[in-house]
């Protein structure tokens, strides 16, 4: 993009006062593709790209080379650690508002690892972190005339099965022998989907909350897999650009109702347990006991 065209586009965005978007997991895969699409959209004024500290330098250089760095604010965070998320929330308090929050970051692991307070990392990154970030930015979201939260989940949430007593304890000794990365991933996505549906119900029309399965693509989420599994995944799975388009559409399309579950770009129905109000409420209680937000 030449300088004059970039300047014109920038001025047009600022004059229109368009959306401020926060997106996590923006350094690679679907998040990276979605970030670049959002930066080129006339509907977006600023994107806050939340990434791991190790990704900042390379991402900044790429955005500069593409001529879209002026639309992006980079923020580093470790989504496995609640304290790091809280520090990010504090830094973002200087924003005038947040119009769209895209909780895109995800983690898949083939062995159990815990964070500094003993919570299994897949559950932390895939469920606790989006919840904590959303609630921490809630006041900024409500400053928007049409706030939206898009939580990236997976069809695999249908295979999830959460024992709330075991969930609330999060003791590593219970899982050290029988841990299944695939099962824990499905459970984390079930928790996220159920929480999103429950929050949409409790908030009424104050904000639009959406869950989305964007599809299955070759992304950085498999970086913790053993090398042979990672190779097979990346060979047989689609390019992430298509999934990123689904994400951007879900983030910006105005006519999607709160509480919706999208399978790529189509309205669908999540697992029955995700819609169970009693389960939603018990999950919320267990989550707040384990990792309070206040």
Protein backbone atom coordinates (compact mmCIF):
# COMPACT_ATOMS: atom_id res chain seq x y z
CA UNK A 1 0.00 0.00 0.00
CA UNK A 2 1.50 3.37 -0.94
CA UNK A 3 1.83 6.15 1.61
CA UNK A 4 -0.88 8.42 0.19
CA UNK A 5 -3.44 5.63 -0.02
CA UNK A 6 -2.55 4.48 3.51
CA UNK A 7 -2.91 8.04 4.82
CA UNK A 8 -6.29 8.46 3.12
CA UNK A 9 -7.56 5.16 4.51
CA UNK A 10 -6.34 6.05 7.99
CA UNK A 11 -8.07 9.44 7.93
CA UNK A 12 -11.31 7.88 6.68
CA UNK A 13 -11.29 5.37 9.53
CA UNK A 14 -10.68 8.04 12.15
CA UNK A 15 -13.39 10.32 10.73
CA UNK A 16 -15.92 7.51 10.85
CA UNK A 17 -14.96 6.68 14.46
CA UNK A 18 -15.11 2.97 13.67
CA UNK A 19 -14.52 -0.04 15.85
CA UNK A 20 -11.83 -0.71 18.41
CA UNK A 21 -11.10 -4.44 18.40
CA UNK A 22 -9.10 -6.53 20.87
CA UNK A 23 -7.95 -9.94 19.62
CA UNK A 24 -5.91 -12.57 21.45
CA UNK A 25 -3.62 -15.12 19.86
CA UNK A 26 -2.86 -12.74 17.01
CA UNK A 27 0.72 -13.81 16.30
CA UNK A 28 0.01 -16.83 14.10
CA UNK A 29 -2.63 -18.96 12.43
CA UNK A 30 -6.23 -17.79 12.43
CA UNK A 31 -5.50 -14.88 14.74
CA UNK A 32 -2.71 -13.54 12.53
CA UNK A 33 -4.84 -13.79 9.40
CA UNK A 34 -7.81 -12.17 11.16
CA UNK A 35 -5.63 -9.36 12.51
CA UNK A 36 -4.38 -8.49 9.05
CA UNK A 37 -7.90 -8.57 7.60
CA UNK A 38 -9.22 -6.35 10.38
CA UNK A 39 -6.39 -3.86 9.88
CA UNK A 40 -7.46 -3.47 6.26
CA UNK A 41 -11.18 -3.15 7.03
CA UNK A 42 -12.92 0.20 6.73
CA UNK A 43 -15.04 -0.81 9.72
CA UNK A 44 -12.06 -0.86 12.08
CA UNK A 45 -10.13 2.03 13.57
CA UNK A 46 -7.71 0.25 15.93
CA UNK A 47 -6.83 -3.36 16.70
CA UNK A 48 -5.18 -4.31 19.98
CA UNK A 49 -3.29 -7.50 19.16
CA UNK A 50 -2.58 -9.60 22.23
CA UNK A 51 0.31 -12.06 21.79
CA UNK A 52 3.07 -13.86 23.65
CA UNK A 53 6.09 -11.71 24.43
CA UNK A 54 8.28 -13.91 22.22
CA UNK A 55 6.14 -13.03 19.19
CA UNK A 56 6.16 -9.24 19.51
CA UNK A 57 9.24 -8.41 17.46
CA UNK A 58 8.45 -10.59 14.46
CA UNK A 59 4.81 -9.48 14.35
CA UNK A 60 5.73 -5.80 14.61
CA UNK A 61 8.16 -6.15 11.71
CA UNK A 62 5.59 -7.93 9.55
CA UNK A 63 2.89 -5.33 10.20
CA UNK A 64 5.33 -2.53 9.39
CA UNK A 65 6.34 -4.21 6.14
CA UNK A 66 2.67 -4.53 5.11
CA UNK A 67 1.95 -0.88 5.88
CA UNK A 68 -0.69 -1.63 8.53
CA UNK A 69 1.32 -1.14 11.73
CA UNK A 70 -0.32 2.23 12.41
CA UNK A 71 -3.67 0.49 12.91
CA UNK A 72 -2.34 -2.02 15.44
CA UNK A 73 -1.33 -1.76 19.09
CA UNK A 74 0.68 -4.74 20.30
CA UNK A 75 0.34 -6.05 23.85
CA UNK A 76 2.19 -8.97 25.41
CA UNK A 77 0.52 -11.41 27.80
CA UNK A 78 0.87 -14.90 29.19
CA UNK A 79 -2.69 -16.22 29.07
CA UNK A 80 -1.73 -19.15 31.28
CA UNK A 81 -1.16 -16.77 34.21
CA UNK A 82 -4.02 -14.79 35.79
CA UNK A 83 -1.66 -12.08 37.03
CA UNK A 84 -0.43 -11.43 33.49
CA UNK A 85 -4.03 -11.11 32.28
CA UNK A 86 -4.82 -8.66 35.10
CA UNK A 87 -1.81 -6.53 34.15
CA UNK A 88 -3.02 -6.47 30.54
CA UNK A 89 -6.48 -5.37 31.66
CA UNK A 90 -4.88 -2.53 33.60
CA UNK A 91 -2.85 -1.40 30.58
CA UNK A 92 -5.94 -1.39 28.36
CA UNK A 93 -7.79 0.94 30.74
CA UNK A 94 -6.53 3.87 28.64
CA UNK A 95 -8.77 2.83 25.72
CA UNK A 96 -11.91 4.94 25.25
CA UNK A 97 -13.95 1.76 24.75
CA UNK A 98 -13.79 -1.75 23.33
CA UNK A 99 -16.31 -2.49 20.58
CA UNK A 100 -15.29 -6.06 19.84
CA UNK A 101 -13.32 -8.59 21.88
CA UNK A 102 -12.19 -11.70 20.00
CA UNK A 103 -10.97 -14.43 22.34
CA UNK A 104 -9.11 -16.40 19.70
CA UNK A 105 -6.07 -17.77 21.55
CA UNK A 106 -6.13 -21.50 22.15
CA UNK A 107 -3.88 -24.27 23.39
CA UNK A 108 -3.74 -28.00 22.75
CA UNK A 109 -1.33 -30.15 24.75
CA UNK A 110 -0.55 -33.86 24.78
CA UNK A 111 0.68 -33.89 28.39
CA UNK A 112 -0.45 -32.18 31.54
CA UNK A 113 1.18 -28.92 32.59
CA UNK A 114 -0.04 -26.58 35.30
CA UNK A 115 0.35 -22.84 35.71
CA UNK A 116 1.82 -21.17 38.79
CA UNK A 117 -1.37 -21.66 40.83
CA UNK A 118 -1.96 -25.28 39.82
CA UNK A 119 -4.59 -24.88 37.08
CA UNK A 120 -4.14 -27.12 34.05
CA UNK A 121 -2.88 -24.94 31.21
CA UNK A 122 -5.33 -26.00 28.50
CA UNK A 123 -8.27 -25.19 30.75
CA UNK A 124 -6.62 -21.93 31.79
CA UNK A 125 -5.86 -20.64 28.28
CA UNK A 126 -9.01 -21.96 26.59
CA UNK A 127 -11.57 -21.11 29.28
CA UNK A 128 -10.39 -19.21 32.33
CA UNK A 129 -8.39 -16.67 30.33
CA UNK A 130 -11.20 -15.62 27.93
CA UNK A 131 -13.58 -15.36 30.86
CA UNK A 132 -11.15 -13.30 32.93
CA UNK A 133 -10.28 -10.98 30.06
CA UNK A 134 -13.92 -10.48 29.08
CA UNK A 135 -15.03 -9.62 32.59
CA UNK A 136 -11.98 -7.43 33.14
CA UNK A 137 -12.82 -5.41 30.01
CA UNK A 138 -16.55 -5.40 30.66
CA UNK A 139 -16.77 -1.71 31.59
CA UNK A 140 -14.91 -0.77 28.39
CA UNK A 141 -17.20 -3.00 26.36
CA UNK A 142 -20.28 -1.33 27.81
CA UNK A 143 -18.97 2.05 26.65
CA UNK A 144 -19.56 0.83 23.10
CA UNK A 145 -22.96 1.36 21.52
CA UNK A 146 -22.91 -2.24 20.22
CA UNK A 147 -20.42 -4.30 22.26
CA UNK A 148 -19.59 -7.78 21.04
CA UNK A 149 -17.58 -10.70 22.43
CA UNK A 150 -16.62 -13.52 20.07
CA UNK A 151 -15.30 -16.66 21.74
CA UNK A 152 -13.56 -19.18 19.50
CA UNK A 153 -14.58 -22.69 20.48
CA UNK A 154 -14.57 -26.04 18.69
CA UNK A 155 -16.99 -28.71 17.55
CA UNK A 156 -15.06 -30.95 19.92
CA UNK A 157 -16.89 -29.27 22.81
CA UNK A 158 -19.64 -31.81 22.06
CA UNK A 159 -17.30 -34.54 23.33
CA UNK A 160 -16.66 -32.73 26.59
CA UNK A 161 -17.87 -33.99 29.95
CA UNK A 162 -17.14 -31.90 33.02
CA UNK A 163 -17.30 -33.31 36.54
CA UNK A 164 -17.78 -30.06 38.44
CA UNK A 165 -16.36 -31.41 41.71
CA UNK A 166 -13.19 -32.52 40.00
CA UNK A 167 -13.15 -29.30 37.96
CA UNK A 168 -13.29 -27.18 41.10
CA UNK A 169 -10.41 -29.01 42.76
CA UNK A 170 -7.99 -28.95 39.77
CA UNK A 171 -5.58 -31.20 41.67
CA UNK A 172 -2.74 -32.41 39.51
CA UNK A 173 -2.48 -35.77 41.29
CA UNK A 174 -5.88 -36.77 39.90
CA UNK A 175 -4.67 -36.35 36.32
CA UNK A 176 -1.01 -37.31 36.43
CA UNK A 177 -1.65 -40.86 35.15
CA UNK A 178 -4.95 -40.65 33.25
CA UNK A 179 -4.51 -37.24 31.60
CA UNK A 180 -5.80 -37.01 28.03
CA UNK A 181 -4.97 -33.85 26.12
CA UNK A 182 -7.83 -34.40 23.68
CA UNK A 183 -10.35 -34.89 26.48
CA UNK A 184 -9.13 -31.84 28.38
CA UNK A 185 -9.26 -29.75 25.20
CA UNK A 186 -12.87 -30.82 24.61
CA UNK A 187 -13.72 -30.04 28.23
CA UNK A 188 -12.15 -26.59 28.02
CA UNK A 189 -14.16 -25.78 24.90
CA UNK A 190 -17.35 -27.09 26.49
CA UNK A 191 -16.72 -24.81 29.48
CA UNK A 192 -16.14 -21.82 27.19
CA UNK A 193 -19.24 -22.50 25.10
CA UNK A 194 -21.46 -23.02 28.15
CA UNK A 195 -20.10 -19.90 29.84
CA UNK A 196 -20.69 -17.82 26.70
CA UNK A 197 -24.30 -19.03 26.40
CA UNK A 198 -24.86 -18.44 30.11
CA UNK A 199 -23.43 -14.93 30.09
CA UNK A 200 -25.53 -14.05 27.04
CA UNK A 201 -28.62 -15.21 28.95
CA UNK A 202 -27.72 -13.26 32.10
CA UNK A 203 -26.78 -10.06 30.27
CA UNK A 204 -29.91 -9.86 28.15
CA UNK A 205 -29.36 -7.29 25.43
CA UNK A 206 -26.51 -5.38 27.06
CA UNK A 207 -23.90 -7.02 24.84
CA UNK A 208 -23.72 -9.56 22.03
CA UNK A 209 -21.90 -12.76 23.01
CA UNK A 210 -21.15 -15.36 20.34
CA UNK A 211 -19.43 -18.76 20.27
CA UNK A 212 -17.88 -19.90 17.01
CA UNK A 213 -16.24 -23.02 15.66
CA UNK A 214 -14.21 -21.48 12.81
CA UNK A 215 -13.22 -24.81 11.25
CA UNK A 216 -10.06 -26.91 11.48
CA UNK A 217 -6.89 -25.38 10.07
CA UNK A 218 -3.11 -25.60 10.19
CA UNK A 219 -2.36 -23.18 13.04
CA UNK A 220 0.03 -22.64 15.94
CA UNK A 221 -2.35 -24.30 18.38
CA UNK A 222 -0.53 -27.59 17.72
CA UNK A 223 2.90 -26.27 18.67
CA UNK A 224 2.96 -28.44 21.83
CA UNK A 225 2.12 -31.66 19.97
CA UNK A 226 4.76 -34.28 19.32
CA UNK A 227 6.51 -33.62 15.99
CA UNK A 228 4.92 -36.55 14.02
CA UNK A 229 1.39 -35.54 15.10
CA UNK A 230 2.08 -31.89 14.33
CA UNK A 231 3.36 -32.81 10.84
CA UNK A 232 0.28 -34.89 10.02
CA UNK A 233 -2.05 -32.18 11.30
CA UNK A 234 -0.43 -29.48 9.17
CA UNK A 235 -0.30 -31.64 6.03
CA UNK A 236 -3.96 -32.65 6.02
CA UNK A 237 -5.65 -29.53 7.45
CA UNK A 238 -6.71 -26.44 5.48
CA UNK A 239 -5.03 -23.06 5.21
CA UNK A 240 -6.17 -20.66 7.98
CA UNK A 241 -7.16 -17.76 5.70
CA UNK A 242 -10.63 -19.19 5.15
CA UNK A 243 -11.26 -19.60 8.88
CA UNK A 244 -10.04 -16.08 9.52
CA UNK A 245 -12.67 -14.74 7.15
CA UNK A 246 -15.35 -16.52 9.18
CA UNK A 247 -13.96 -14.91 12.35
CA UNK A 248 -13.90 -11.40 10.90
CA UNK A 249 -17.44 -11.76 9.59
CA UNK A 250 -18.70 -12.96 12.98
CA UNK A 251 -16.90 -10.09 14.69
CA UNK A 252 -18.31 -7.36 12.47
CA UNK A 253 -21.60 -8.60 11.01
CA UNK A 254 -24.34 -6.68 12.84
CA UNK A 255 -27.29 -9.08 12.61
CA UNK A 256 -25.98 -11.99 14.73
CA UNK A 257 -28.02 -12.48 17.90
CA UNK A 258 -26.46 -12.74 21.35
CA UNK A 259 -26.10 -16.34 22.50
CA UNK A 260 -25.60 -17.63 18.95
CA UNK A 261 -23.33 -20.56 18.19
CA UNK A 262 -21.76 -20.49 14.74
CA UNK A 263 -20.29 -23.47 12.93
CA UNK A 264 -17.95 -21.56 10.65
CA UNK A 265 -20.40 -19.08 9.05
CA UNK A 266 -23.68 -20.87 9.82
CA UNK A 267 -25.93 -20.74 12.82
CA UNK A 268 -25.94 -24.08 14.59
CA UNK A 269 -26.84 -25.59 17.95
CA UNK A 270 -24.16 -26.32 20.54
CA UNK A 271 -24.09 -29.36 22.80
CA UNK A 272 -27.15 -29.75 25.02
CA UNK A 273 -25.01 -29.38 28.14
CA UNK A 274 -23.77 -25.99 26.95
CA UNK A 275 -27.40 -24.81 26.87
CA UNK A 276 -28.32 -26.32 30.23
CA UNK A 277 -28.98 -23.37 32.53
CA UNK A 278 -28.39 -25.38 35.71
CA UNK A 279 -25.01 -26.52 34.38
CA UNK A 280 -24.13 -22.97 33.31
CA UNK A 281 -24.87 -21.63 36.79
CA UNK A 282 -22.97 -24.42 38.58
CA UNK A 283 -20.00 -23.94 36.26
CA UNK A 284 -20.01 -20.22 37.02
CA UNK A 285 -20.08 -20.87 40.76
CA UNK A 286 -17.27 -23.43 40.56
CA UNK A 287 -15.17 -21.15 38.36
CA UNK A 288 -15.56 -18.17 40.67
CA UNK A 289 -14.59 -20.26 43.69
CA UNK A 290 -11.50 -21.57 41.96
CA UNK A 291 -10.33 -18.34 40.33
CA UNK A 292 -12.27 -15.26 41.57
CA UNK A 293 -12.46 -12.25 39.28
CA UNK A 294 -13.02 -9.73 42.07
